[in-house]
Amino acid sequence: MTTMKVLVMNQFGKGQVKDSCVIPRVGDKVDMFYEPLPSVTQIVMWPSKERLSQLNVDKLEIEAIITVA
């Protein structure tokens, strides 16, 4: 099973890079950051180098950005 690097970000700008075999769906709960558990609000697949640079993760090979709230 192959893994991909994903960046999970909350609405306060805190982010974590995870290695994952799956991508959660919009509405799924994730056990990260705080309680009550936040839900996935948006998924951006294959983000551009410019977007990754804006988030200061352009040195990593991020394949998806997941936002939660």
N, C-alpha and C. Protein backbone atom coordinates (compact mmCIF):
# COMPACT_ATOMS: atom_id res chain seq x y z
N MET A 1 0.84 -1.17 0.00
CA MET A 1 0.00 0.00 0.00
C MET A 1 0.89 1.24 0.00
N THR A 2 0.63 2.15 -0.90
CA THR A 2 1.45 3.36 -0.95
C THR A 2 0.86 4.44 -0.04
N THR A 3 1.74 5.27 0.48
CA THR A 3 1.29 6.38 1.32
C THR A 3 1.55 7.68 0.61
N MET A 4 0.83 8.70 1.02
CA MET A 4 1.03 10.05 0.50
C MET A 4 1.13 11.01 1.66
N LYS A 5 1.81 12.11 1.44
CA LYS A 5 1.91 13.14 2.46
C LYS A 5 0.72 14.08 2.31
N VAL A 6 0.02 14.31 3.42
CA VAL A 6 -1.10 15.24 3.42
C VAL A 6 -0.86 16.28 4.51
N LEU A 7 -1.29 17.49 4.24
CA LEU A 7 -1.23 18.58 5.20
C LEU A 7 -2.63 18.80 5.73
N VAL A 8 -2.81 18.66 7.04
CA VAL A 8 -4.11 18.89 7.68
C VAL A 8 -4.01 20.22 8.41
N MET A 9 -4.93 21.15 8.08
CA MET A 9 -4.90 22.48 8.68
C MET A 9 -6.24 22.81 9.32
N ASN A 10 -6.17 23.45 10.50
CA ASN A 10 -7.42 23.89 11.11
C ASN A 10 -7.67 25.36 10.81
N GLN A 11 -8.81 25.88 11.25
CA GLN A 11 -9.19 27.25 10.91
C GLN A 11 -8.33 28.30 11.60
N PHE A 12 -7.50 27.88 12.55
CA PHE A 12 -6.61 28.81 13.25
C PHE A 12 -5.22 28.86 12.63
N GLY A 13 -5.02 28.13 11.54
CA GLY A 13 -3.75 28.15 10.83
C GLY A 13 -2.74 27.12 11.30
N LYS A 14 -3.11 26.31 12.28
CA LYS A 14 -2.19 25.25 12.74
C LYS A 14 -2.29 24.08 11.78
N GLY A 15 -1.14 23.53 11.43
CA GLY A 15 -1.14 22.41 10.49
C GLY A 15 -0.21 21.29 10.92
N GLN A 16 -0.52 20.10 10.44
CA GLN A 16 0.31 18.92 10.68
C GLN A 16 0.42 18.15 9.37
N VAL A 17 1.63 17.68 9.09
CA VAL A 17 1.84 16.84 7.91
C VAL A 17 1.78 15.39 8.37
N LYS A 18 0.98 14.60 7.66
CA LYS A 18 0.79 13.19 7.99
C LYS A 18 1.07 12.34 6.77
N ASP A 19 1.57 11.13 6.99
CA ASP A 19 1.65 10.12 5.94
C ASP A 19 0.36 9.32 6.04
N SER A 20 -0.35 9.18 4.92
CA SER A 20 -1.64 8.53 4.96
C SER A 20 -1.86 7.66 3.72
N CYS A 21 -2.58 6.58 3.92
CA CYS A 21 -2.99 5.71 2.80
C CYS A 21 -4.37 6.09 2.30
N VAL A 22 -5.10 6.87 3.08
CA VAL A 22 -6.47 7.26 2.72
C VAL A 22 -6.64 8.76 2.87
N ILE A 23 -7.62 9.29 2.16
CA ILE A 23 -8.01 10.69 2.29
C ILE A 23 -9.42 10.70 2.89
N PRO A 24 -9.63 11.44 3.99
CA PRO A 24 -10.98 11.49 4.55
C PRO A 24 -11.93 12.25 3.61
N ARG A 25 -13.20 12.00 3.78
CA ARG A 25 -14.21 12.70 2.98
C ARG A 25 -14.66 13.96 3.70
N VAL A 26 -15.22 14.90 2.96
CA VAL A 26 -15.81 16.09 3.57
C VAL A 26 -16.88 15.63 4.55
N GLY A 27 -16.81 16.16 5.78
CA GLY A 27 -17.75 15.79 6.82
C GLY A 27 -17.21 14.77 7.80
N ASP A 28 -16.17 14.02 7.42
CA ASP A 28 -15.57 13.06 8.34
C ASP A 28 -14.93 13.79 9.52
N LYS A 29 -15.00 13.19 10.69
CA LYS A 29 -14.34 13.72 11.89
C LYS A 29 -12.90 13.23 11.91
N VAL A 30 -11.98 14.09 12.38
CA VAL A 30 -10.59 13.69 12.54
C VAL A 30 -10.19 13.94 13.99
N ASP A 31 -9.39 13.04 14.54
CA ASP A 31 -8.97 13.13 15.94
C ASP A 31 -7.66 13.93 16.00
N MET A 32 -7.80 15.23 15.76
CA MET A 32 -6.63 16.12 15.75
C MET A 32 -7.01 17.47 16.34
N PHE A 33 -6.02 18.14 16.89
CA PHE A 33 -6.06 19.54 17.31
C PHE A 33 -6.86 19.80 18.58
N TYR A 34 -8.13 19.44 18.65
CA TYR A 34 -8.95 19.83 19.79
C TYR A 34 -10.22 18.98 19.85
N GLU A 35 -10.98 19.16 20.95
CA GLU A 35 -12.30 18.53 21.09
C GLU A 35 -13.32 19.62 21.27
N PRO A 36 -14.53 19.51 20.78
CA PRO A 36 -15.03 18.38 20.02
C PRO A 36 -14.25 18.21 18.73
N LEU A 37 -14.19 16.98 18.26
CA LEU A 37 -13.37 16.66 17.09
C LEU A 37 -13.82 17.47 15.88
N PRO A 38 -12.86 18.05 15.16
CA PRO A 38 -13.22 18.84 13.98
C PRO A 38 -13.59 17.94 12.80
N SER A 39 -14.35 18.52 11.88
CA SER A 39 -14.78 17.83 10.66
C SER A 39 -14.01 18.36 9.47
N VAL A 40 -13.80 17.51 8.49
CA VAL A 40 -13.16 17.92 7.24
C VAL A 40 -14.11 18.86 6.50
N THR A 41 -13.59 20.03 6.10
CA THR A 41 -14.41 21.01 5.39
C THR A 41 -14.05 21.11 3.91
N GLN A 42 -12.79 20.81 3.58
CA GLN A 42 -12.36 20.95 2.19
C GLN A 42 -11.13 20.08 1.96
N ILE A 43 -11.00 19.59 0.72
CA ILE A 43 -9.84 18.80 0.33
C ILE A 43 -9.32 19.38 -0.98
N VAL A 44 -8.03 19.69 -1.01
CA VAL A 44 -7.39 20.17 -2.23
C VAL A 44 -6.35 19.14 -2.63
N MET A 45 -6.59 18.48 -3.76
CA MET A 45 -5.66 17.47 -4.26
C MET A 45 -4.61 18.13 -5.16
N TRP A 46 -3.40 17.61 -5.11
CA TRP A 46 -2.28 18.04 -5.94
C TRP A 46 -2.11 19.56 -5.95
N PRO A 47 -1.89 20.17 -4.76
CA PRO A 47 -1.75 21.63 -4.68
C PRO A 47 -0.54 22.12 -5.47
N SER A 48 -0.64 23.33 -5.97
CA SER A 48 0.43 23.93 -6.77
C SER A 48 1.63 24.27 -5.89
N LYS A 49 2.79 24.42 -6.53
CA LYS A 49 4.00 24.83 -5.81
C LYS A 49 3.80 26.19 -5.16
N GLU A 50 3.06 27.08 -5.82
CA GLU A 50 2.81 28.41 -5.27
C GLU A 50 2.01 28.32 -3.97
N ARG A 51 0.97 27.49 -3.97
CA ARG A 51 0.15 27.33 -2.76
C ARG A 51 0.98 26.72 -1.64
N LEU A 52 1.77 25.70 -1.95
CA LEU A 52 2.61 25.08 -0.92
C LEU A 52 3.64 26.07 -0.38
N SER A 53 4.15 26.93 -1.24
CA SER A 53 5.10 27.95 -0.81
C SER A 53 4.44 28.94 0.15
N GLN A 54 3.19 29.31 -0.14
CA GLN A 54 2.45 30.22 0.75
C GLN A 54 2.27 29.62 2.14
N LEU A 55 2.19 28.30 2.20
CA LEU A 55 1.98 27.61 3.47
C LEU A 55 3.30 27.15 4.11
N ASN A 56 4.41 27.51 3.49
CA ASN A 56 5.75 27.16 3.99
C ASN A 56 6.00 25.66 4.06
N VAL A 57 5.44 24.90 3.13
CA VAL A 57 5.70 23.46 3.06
C VAL A 57 6.15 23.06 1.66
N ASP A 58 6.72 24.00 0.93
CA ASP A 58 7.12 23.74 -0.45
C ASP A 58 8.30 22.78 -0.55
N LYS A 59 8.99 22.51 0.54
CA LYS A 59 10.10 21.56 0.53
C LYS A 59 9.60 20.12 0.63
N LEU A 60 8.34 19.94 1.01
CA LEU A 60 7.75 18.61 1.15
C LEU A 60 6.92 18.28 -0.09
N GLU A 61 6.76 17.02 -0.37
CA GLU A 61 5.95 16.60 -1.51
C GLU A 61 4.53 16.31 -1.05
N ILE A 62 3.80 17.37 -0.75
CA ILE A 62 2.42 17.27 -0.27
C ILE A 62 1.51 16.95 -1.45
N GLU A 63 0.68 15.93 -1.29
CA GLU A 63 -0.24 15.53 -2.36
C GLU A 63 -1.67 15.99 -2.11
N ALA A 64 -1.98 16.41 -0.87
CA ALA A 64 -3.32 16.91 -0.58
C ALA A 64 -3.27 17.84 0.62
N ILE A 65 -4.14 18.85 0.58
CA ILE A 65 -4.33 19.73 1.73
C ILE A 65 -5.75 19.49 2.22
N ILE A 66 -5.88 19.20 3.51
CA ILE A 66 -7.18 18.94 4.12
C ILE A 66 -7.43 20.01 5.16
N THR A 67 -8.57 20.72 5.05
CA THR A 67 -8.90 21.72 6.06
C THR A 67 -10.00 21.17 6.95
N VAL A 68 -9.91 21.51 8.23
CA VAL A 68 -10.89 21.04 9.21
C VAL A 68 -11.37 22.21 10.06
N ALA A 69 -12.58 22.09 10.56
CA ALA A 69 -13.16 23.10 11.45
C ALA A 69 -14.13 22.44 12.41
